[in-house]
Amino acid sequence: MPSFAPLRLALVAALAADGGAPAPAPGEHQTPVPVKIFAVVEQDSGPVSYYSIVTEGDTRFIRSVYKPGLETVVLGAVVPEQARKRVKSVSWRWRVHSLPRDSNDCGPGYSDSGAAVFLTFKSGLKYMILKYVWATIGTVGSFCQSKRGWFLDRNTILLEVGGPLGVWKTEEVDARAEFVRAFGVKLEDVPDLVGIGLMTDGDQSSSVVESDYADFLVRW
């Protein structure tokens, strides 16, 4: 599957709140990352996007419907400049309607994802990525080094496994602490969080996979 590599997004947009975010704690700042600013990361994606923006009641979200034969597509959004060095947590909601067959990014199984969210940090010329996955099989909390290279390192964490399907789940991760755990650096050496990505795919297992993403929020 493609990596969430350099964020050469052709998108430079003002970040405007979609609404519905909880109030920050005293002394804390937060910025919603609206679903409308997520764009195809072209160098990591096939030619046909299978994502759309859908509204249900008061919720506006990204819906992904992957069908066998399509090439994998990754969406990405930039993190606000003021939050990059001081990020405390990133939260979002997601739900899966159908899971790829026998998928488990940390193995054994296919390297497909019912849903995946990427936190992309940048250190010099190198991108270092935490990939949070909703897998079909495996153990919640499983961790693996899924890619190493000159310009890209990626670690994968199984955040959700299996059902229930069709139910929204809220996730919140301490981005800097998670980076320390994943890459073995000191807290003061954590690089800037520059981007958030998402991906649903079923190309390895030839599966129909459908999932939704909403309410991305960066706190610092």
C-alpha atoms as a PDB file:
ATOM      1  CA  MET A   1       0.000   0.000   0.000  1.00  0.00           C
ATOM      2  CA  PRO A   2       1.221   3.554  -0.521  1.00  0.00           C
ATOM      3  CA  SER A   3       2.850   5.562   2.236  1.00  0.00           C
ATOM      4  CA  PHE A   4       1.712   8.941   3.482  1.00  0.00           C
ATOM      5  CA  ALA A   5       4.878  10.597   2.212  1.00  0.00           C
ATOM      6  CA  PRO A   6       5.737  14.321   1.746  1.00  0.00           C
ATOM      7  CA  LEU A   7       2.725  16.572   2.169  1.00  0.00           C
ATOM      8  CA  ARG A   8       2.907  18.301  -1.209  1.00  0.00           C
ATOM      9  CA  LEU A   9      -0.758  19.180  -1.047  1.00  0.00           C
ATOM     10  CA  ALA A  10      -2.048  21.679  -3.579  1.00  0.00           C
ATOM     11  CA  LEU A  11      -4.246  22.977  -0.776  1.00  0.00           C
ATOM     12  CA  VAL A  12      -3.559  26.095   1.248  1.00  0.00           C
ATOM     13  CA  ALA A  13      -6.821  26.842   3.044  1.00  0.00           C
ATOM     14  CA  ALA A  14      -7.872  28.725   6.133  1.00  0.00           C
ATOM     15  CA  LEU A  15      -8.936  26.318   8.866  1.00  0.00           C
ATOM     16  CA  ALA A  16     -12.533  27.031   9.794  1.00  0.00           C
ATOM     17  CA  ALA A  17     -14.440  25.181  12.491  1.00  0.00           C
ATOM     18  CA  ASP A  18     -17.132  22.736  11.420  1.00  0.00           C
ATOM     19  CA  GLY A  19     -18.792  23.191  14.804  1.00  0.00           C
ATOM     20  CA  GLY A  20     -19.602  20.769  17.561  1.00  0.00           C
ATOM     21  CA  ALA A  21     -16.121  20.651  19.147  1.00  0.00           C
ATOM     22  CA  PRO A  22     -15.983  20.614  22.964  1.00  0.00           C
ATOM     23  CA  ALA A  23     -14.582  23.682  24.698  1.00  0.00           C
ATOM     24  CA  PRO A  24     -10.853  23.566  25.476  1.00  0.00           C
ATOM     25  CA  ALA A  25      -9.583  23.343  29.052  1.00  0.00           C
ATOM     26  CA  PRO A  26      -8.279  26.558  30.675  1.00  0.00           C
ATOM     27  CA  GLY A  27      -4.976  27.542  29.061  1.00  0.00           C
ATOM     28  CA  GLU A  28      -5.485  25.057  26.226  1.00  0.00           C
ATOM     29  CA  HIS A  29      -6.031  25.810  22.561  1.00  0.00           C
ATOM     30  CA  GLN A  30      -7.740  23.738  19.920  1.00  0.00           C
ATOM     31  CA  THR A  31      -8.380  23.827  16.203  1.00  0.00           C
ATOM     32  CA  PRO A  32     -10.870  21.645  14.349  1.00  0.00           C
ATOM     33  CA  VAL A  33      -9.564  20.286  11.059  1.00  0.00           C
ATOM     34  CA  PRO A  34     -12.635  20.445   8.808  1.00  0.00           C
ATOM     35  CA  VAL A  35     -13.293  17.487   6.561  1.00  0.00           C
ATOM     36  CA  LYS A  36     -13.618  19.872   3.607  1.00  0.00           C
ATOM     37  CA  ILE A  37      -9.863  20.632   3.616  1.00  0.00           C
ATOM     38  CA  PHE A  38      -8.763  17.009   3.245  1.00  0.00           C
ATOM     39  CA  ALA A  39      -7.396  16.510  -0.267  1.00  0.00           C
ATOM     40  CA  VAL A  40      -5.967  13.617  -2.271  1.00  0.00           C
ATOM     41  CA  VAL A  41      -2.233  13.101  -1.644  1.00  0.00           C
ATOM     42  CA  GLU A  42      -1.492  12.623  -5.322  1.00  0.00           C
ATOM     43  CA  GLN A  43       1.955  11.004  -5.106  1.00  0.00           C
ATOM     44  CA  ASP A  44       0.528   8.266  -2.862  1.00  0.00           C
ATOM     45  CA  SER A  45      -2.777   7.693  -4.638  1.00  0.00           C
ATOM     46  CA  GLY A  46      -4.390   6.104  -7.639  1.00  0.00           C
ATOM     47  CA  PRO A  47      -6.300   8.138 -10.247  1.00  0.00           C
ATOM     48  CA  VAL A  48      -9.847   7.556  -8.919  1.00  0.00           C
ATOM     49  CA  SER A  49     -10.904   8.953  -5.539  1.00  0.00           C
ATOM     50  CA  TYR A  50     -13.523   6.930  -3.671  1.00  0.00           C
ATOM     51  CA  TYR A  51     -14.108   9.524  -0.932  1.00  0.00           C
ATOM     52  CA  SER A  52     -16.986  11.980  -0.614  1.00  0.00           C
ATOM     53  CA  ILE A  53     -18.343  14.413   1.972  1.00  0.00           C
ATOM     54  CA  VAL A  54     -21.682  13.395   3.462  1.00  0.00           C
ATOM     55  CA  THR A  55     -24.013  15.074   5.957  1.00  0.00           C
ATOM     56  CA  GLU A  56     -26.188  13.172   8.421  1.00  0.00           C
ATOM     57  CA  GLY A  57     -28.144  15.419  10.775  1.00  0.00           C
ATOM     58  CA  ASP A  58     -25.578  17.774  12.343  1.00  0.00           C
ATOM     59  CA  THR A  59     -22.577  15.629  11.375  1.00  0.00           C
ATOM     60  CA  ARG A  60     -20.507  16.305   8.281  1.00  0.00           C
ATOM     61  CA  PHE A  61     -18.018  13.562   7.508  1.00  0.00           C
ATOM     62  CA  ILE A  62     -15.852  11.880   4.909  1.00  0.00           C
ATOM     63  CA  ARG A  63     -17.273   8.630   3.530  1.00  0.00           C
ATOM     64  CA  SER A  64     -14.960   6.143   1.836  1.00  0.00           C
ATOM     65  CA  VAL A  65     -16.227   3.300  -0.326  1.00  0.00           C
ATOM     66  CA  TYR A  66     -13.392   1.179  -1.672  1.00  0.00           C
ATOM     67  CA  LYS A  67     -14.252  -1.424  -4.348  1.00  0.00           C
ATOM     68  CA  PRO A  68     -11.912  -4.113  -5.721  1.00  0.00           C
ATOM     69  CA  GLY A  69      -9.998  -2.990  -8.786  1.00  0.00           C
ATOM     70  CA  LEU A  70      -9.452   0.552  -7.562  1.00  0.00           C
ATOM     71  CA  GLU A  71      -5.994   1.753  -6.616  1.00  0.00           C
ATOM     72  CA  THR A  72      -5.559   2.942  -3.035  1.00  0.00           C
ATOM     73  CA  VAL A  73      -6.134   6.652  -2.388  1.00  0.00           C
ATOM     74  CA  VAL A  74      -4.876   8.645   0.618  1.00  0.00           C
ATOM     75  CA  LEU A  75      -6.358  11.940   1.835  1.00  0.00           C
ATOM     76  CA  GLY A  76      -4.359  14.486   3.806  1.00  0.00           C
ATOM     77  CA  ALA A  77      -4.709  17.848   5.564  1.00  0.00           C
ATOM     78  CA  VAL A  78      -2.099  20.218   6.931  1.00  0.00           C
ATOM     79  CA  VAL A  79      -1.906  20.969  10.662  1.00  0.00           C
ATOM     80  CA  PRO A  80      -2.115  24.664  11.648  1.00  0.00           C
ATOM     81  CA  GLU A  81       1.310  26.272  12.062  1.00  0.00           C
ATOM     82  CA  GLN A  82       0.629  27.413  15.627  1.00  0.00           C
ATOM     83  CA  ALA A  83      -0.105  23.855  16.795  1.00  0.00           C
ATOM     84  CA  ARG A  84       2.775  21.965  15.174  1.00  0.00           C
ATOM     85  CA  LYS A  85       5.422  22.319  17.883  1.00  0.00           C
ATOM     86  CA  ARG A  86       3.071  22.266  20.874  1.00  0.00           C
ATOM     87  CA  VAL A  87       0.481  19.651  19.952  1.00  0.00           C
ATOM     88  CA  LYS A  88      -0.922  17.773  22.941  1.00  0.00           C
ATOM     89  CA  SER A  89      -3.551  15.532  21.445  1.00  0.00           C
ATOM     90  CA  VAL A  90      -5.354  14.667  18.240  1.00  0.00           C
ATOM     91  CA  SER A  91      -8.875  13.298  18.294  1.00  0.00           C
ATOM     92  CA  TRP A  92     -11.379  12.113  15.712  1.00  0.00           C
ATOM     93  CA  ARG A  93     -14.414   9.910  15.223  1.00  0.00           C
ATOM     94  CA  TRP A  94     -14.676   7.013  12.797  1.00  0.00           C
ATOM     95  CA  ARG A  95     -16.943   4.100  12.001  1.00  0.00           C
ATOM     96  CA  VAL A  96     -16.633   1.093   9.715  1.00  0.00           C
ATOM     97  CA  HIS A  97     -19.552  -0.368   7.792  1.00  0.00           C
ATOM     98  CA  SER A  98     -17.631  -3.248   6.160  1.00  0.00           C
ATOM     99  CA  LEU A  99     -14.158  -4.611   6.892  1.00  0.00           C
ATOM    100  CA  PRO A 100     -11.594  -6.081   4.478  1.00  0.00           C
ATOM    101  CA  ARG A 101     -11.135  -9.839   4.621  1.00  0.00           C
ATOM    102  CA  ASP A 102      -8.506 -11.007   7.147  1.00  0.00           C
ATOM    103  CA  SER A 103      -6.792  -7.612   7.381  1.00  0.00           C
ATOM    104  CA  ASN A 104      -4.081  -6.961   9.970  1.00  0.00           C
ATOM    105  CA  ASP A 105      -1.375  -4.385   9.234  1.00  0.00           C
ATOM    106  CA  CYS A 106       0.856  -5.965  11.863  1.00  0.00           C
ATOM    107  CA  GLY A 107       0.318  -9.489  10.504  1.00  0.00           C
ATOM    108  CA  PRO A 108      -0.594 -12.166   9.948  1.00  0.00           C
ATOM    109  CA  GLY A 109      -3.169 -11.126   7.386  1.00  0.00           C
ATOM    110  CA  TYR A 110      -3.610  -8.711   4.514  1.00  0.00           C
ATOM    111  CA  SER A 111      -2.237  -5.176   4.809  1.00  0.00           C
ATOM    112  CA  ASP A 112      -5.628  -3.558   4.229  1.00  0.00           C
ATOM    113  CA  SER A 113      -7.422  -1.227   6.631  1.00  0.00           C
ATOM    114  CA  GLY A 114     -11.077  -0.825   7.424  1.00  0.00           C
ATOM    115  CA  ALA A 115      -9.972   2.675   8.357  1.00  0.00           C
ATOM    116  CA  ALA A 116      -6.623   4.311   9.069  1.00  0.00           C
ATOM    117  CA  VAL A 117      -5.534   7.705  10.402  1.00  0.00           C
ATOM    118  CA  PHE A 118      -1.958   8.951   9.957  1.00  0.00           C
ATOM    119  CA  LEU A 119      -0.175  11.507  12.146  1.00  0.00           C
ATOM    120  CA  THR A 120       2.745  12.810  10.114  1.00  0.00           C
ATOM    121  CA  PHE A 121       5.742  14.453  11.803  1.00  0.00           C
ATOM    122  CA  LYS A 122       8.655  16.067   9.955  1.00  0.00           C
ATOM    123  CA  SER A 123      12.270  15.984  11.131  1.00  0.00           C
ATOM    124  CA  GLY A 124      14.574  17.743   8.642  1.00  0.00           C
ATOM    125  CA  LEU A 125      13.959  16.024   5.318  1.00  0.00           C
ATOM    126  CA  LYS A 126      12.422  12.956   6.940  1.00  0.00           C
ATOM    127  CA  TYR A 127       8.758  12.176   7.531  1.00  0.00           C
ATOM    128  CA  MET A 128       7.954  10.021  10.567  1.00  0.00           C
ATOM    129  CA  ILE A 129       4.447   8.618  10.710  1.00  0.00           C
ATOM    130  CA  LEU A 130       2.168   7.058  13.298  1.00  0.00           C
ATOM    131  CA  LYS A 131      -0.498   5.018  11.527  1.00  0.00           C
ATOM    132  CA  TYR A 132      -3.581   4.155  13.600  1.00  0.00           C
ATOM    133  CA  VAL A 133      -5.591   1.315  12.113  1.00  0.00           C
ATOM    134  CA  TRP A 134      -9.040  -0.230  12.431  1.00  0.00           C
ATOM    135  CA  ALA A 135      -8.219  -3.828  11.512  1.00  0.00           C
ATOM    136  CA  THR A 136     -10.319  -6.924  10.933  1.00  0.00           C
ATOM    137  CA  ILE A 137      -8.210  -9.368  12.955  1.00  0.00           C
ATOM    138  CA  GLY A 138      -5.427  -8.985  15.488  1.00  0.00           C
ATOM    139  CA  THR A 139      -5.097  -7.565  18.999  1.00  0.00           C
ATOM    140  CA  VAL A 140      -5.949  -4.024  20.027  1.00  0.00           C
ATOM    141  CA  GLY A 141      -2.752  -2.201  20.958  1.00  0.00           C
ATOM    142  CA  SER A 142      -0.500  -4.289  18.698  1.00  0.00           C
ATOM    143  CA  PHE A 143       2.435  -2.240  17.438  1.00  0.00           C
ATOM    144  CA  CYS A 144       4.817  -2.793  14.541  1.00  0.00           C
ATOM    145  CA  GLN A 145       7.489  -1.005  12.520  1.00  0.00           C
ATOM    146  CA  SER A 146       5.845  -1.069   9.111  1.00  0.00           C
ATOM    147  CA  LYS A 147       8.302   0.974   7.035  1.00  0.00           C
ATOM    148  CA  ARG A 148      11.878   2.262   7.284  1.00  0.00           C
ATOM    149  CA  GLY A 149      13.690   4.371   4.683  1.00  0.00           C
ATOM    150  CA  TRP A 150      15.934   7.353   4.080  1.00  0.00           C
ATOM    151  CA  PHE A 151      13.055   9.811   3.955  1.00  0.00           C
ATOM    152  CA  LEU A 152      10.197   7.936   5.638  1.00  0.00           C
ATOM    153  CA  ASP A 153       9.707   5.908   8.809  1.00  0.00           C
ATOM    154  CA  ARG A 154       6.271   4.563   9.739  1.00  0.00           C
ATOM    155  CA  ASN A 155       5.010   2.697  12.783  1.00  0.00           C
ATOM    156  CA  THR A 156       1.556   1.112  12.930  1.00  0.00           C
ATOM    157  CA  ILE A 157      -0.775   0.708  15.910  1.00  0.00           C
ATOM    158  CA  LEU A 158      -3.958  -1.398  15.871  1.00  0.00           C
ATOM    159  CA  LEU A 159      -6.390   0.963  17.583  1.00  0.00           C
ATOM    160  CA  GLU A 160      -9.605  -0.947  16.830  1.00  0.00           C
ATOM    161  CA  VAL A 161     -10.158  -4.566  15.762  1.00  0.00           C
ATOM    162  CA  GLY A 162     -13.390  -6.052  14.438  1.00  0.00           C
ATOM    163  CA  GLY A 163     -16.869  -4.761  15.253  1.00  0.00           C
ATOM    164  CA  PRO A 164     -19.259  -3.412  16.111  1.00  0.00           C
ATOM    165  CA  LEU A 165     -19.924  -2.175  12.584  1.00  0.00           C
ATOM    166  CA  GLY A 166     -21.893   0.955  11.767  1.00  0.00           C
ATOM    167  CA  VAL A 167     -21.144   2.549  15.153  1.00  0.00           C
ATOM    168  CA  TRP A 168     -19.187   5.762  15.644  1.00  0.00           C
ATOM    169  CA  LYS A 169     -16.128   5.480  17.893  1.00  0.00           C
ATOM    170  CA  THR A 170     -14.209   8.433  19.308  1.00  0.00           C
ATOM    171  CA  GLU A 171     -10.410   8.277  19.542  1.00  0.00           C
ATOM    172  CA  GLU A 172      -7.966  10.630  21.226  1.00  0.00           C
ATOM    173  CA  VAL A 173      -4.198  10.137  21.243  1.00  0.00           C
ATOM    174  CA  ASP A 174      -1.423  12.030  23.020  1.00  0.00           C
ATOM    175  CA  ALA A 175       0.523  12.710  19.834  1.00  0.00           C
ATOM    176  CA  ARG A 176       3.885  13.649  21.361  1.00  0.00           C
ATOM    177  CA  ALA A 177       3.886  10.874  23.969  1.00  0.00           C
ATOM    178  CA  GLU A 178       2.918   8.364  21.292  1.00  0.00           C
ATOM    179  CA  PHE A 179       5.802   9.535  19.118  1.00  0.00           C
ATOM    180  CA  VAL A 180       8.236   9.065  22.025  1.00  0.00           C
ATOM    181  CA  ARG A 181       6.970   5.536  22.571  1.00  0.00           C
ATOM    182  CA  ALA A 182       7.100   4.660  18.891  1.00  0.00           C
ATOM    183  CA  PHE A 183      10.461   6.119  17.932  1.00  0.00           C
ATOM    184  CA  GLY A 184      12.387   6.096  21.203  1.00  0.00           C
ATOM    185  CA  VAL A 185      13.272   9.785  21.380  1.00  0.00           C
ATOM    186  CA  LYS A 186      13.098  12.272  24.241  1.00  0.00           C
ATOM    187  CA  LEU A 187       9.958  14.364  24.557  1.00  0.00           C
ATOM    188  CA  GLU A 188      11.880  17.558  23.800  1.00  0.00           C
ATOM    189  CA  ASP A 189      13.151  15.999  20.554  1.00  0.00           C
ATOM    190  CA  VAL A 190       9.720  15.247  19.069  1.00  0.00           C
ATOM    191  CA  PRO A 191       9.547  16.998  15.651  1.00  0.00           C
ATOM    192  CA  ASP A 192       6.661  19.081  14.346  1.00  0.00           C
ATOM    193  CA  LEU A 193       3.335  17.431  13.619  1.00  0.00           C
ATOM    194  CA  VAL A 194       2.707  18.689  10.079  1.00  0.00           C
ATOM    195  CA  GLY A 195      -0.185  16.644   8.726  1.00  0.00           C
ATOM    196  CA  ILE A 196      -3.102  14.307   9.302  1.00  0.00           C
ATOM    197  CA  GLY A 197      -4.006  11.646   6.762  1.00  0.00           C
ATOM    198  CA  LEU A 198      -6.672   9.005   6.330  1.00  0.00           C
ATOM    199  CA  MET A 199      -7.101   5.919   4.204  1.00  0.00           C
ATOM    200  CA  THR A 200      -9.495   3.054   3.633  1.00  0.00           C
ATOM    201  CA  ASP A 201      -8.393   0.239   1.343  1.00  0.00           C
ATOM    202  CA  GLY A 202      -9.099  -3.337   0.342  1.00  0.00           C
ATOM    203  CA  ASP A 203      -6.777  -3.891  -2.612  1.00  0.00           C
ATOM    204  CA  GLN A 204      -4.721  -6.724  -1.088  1.00  0.00           C
ATOM    205  CA  SER A 205      -7.747  -8.772  -0.040  1.00  0.00           C
ATOM    206  CA  SER A 206     -10.005  -7.734  -2.946  1.00  0.00           C
ATOM    207  CA  SER A 207     -12.658  -6.573  -0.478  1.00  0.00           C
ATOM    208  CA  VAL A 208     -15.396  -3.972  -0.533  1.00  0.00           C
ATOM    209  CA  VAL A 209     -14.607  -1.655   2.391  1.00  0.00           C
ATOM    210  CA  GLU A 210     -16.724   1.258   3.601  1.00  0.00           C
ATOM    211  CA  SER A 211     -15.974   3.630   6.464  1.00  0.00           C
ATOM    212  CA  ASP A 212     -16.526   7.203   7.706  1.00  0.00           C
ATOM    213  CA  TYR A 213     -14.321   9.868   9.351  1.00  0.00           C
ATOM    214  CA  ALA A 214     -15.385  12.984  11.264  1.00  0.00           C
ATOM    215  CA  ASP A 215     -14.564  15.602  13.914  1.00  0.00           C
ATOM    216  CA  PHE A 216     -10.778  15.871  13.634  1.00  0.00           C
ATOM    217  CA  LEU A 217      -9.476  18.132  16.404  1.00  0.00           C
ATOM    218  CA  VAL A 218      -5.951  19.239  17.320  1.00  0.00           C
ATOM    219  CA  ARG A 219      -5.307  20.463  20.882  1.00  0.00           C
ATOM    220  CA  TRP A 220      -2.182  22.284  22.032  1.00  0.00           C
END
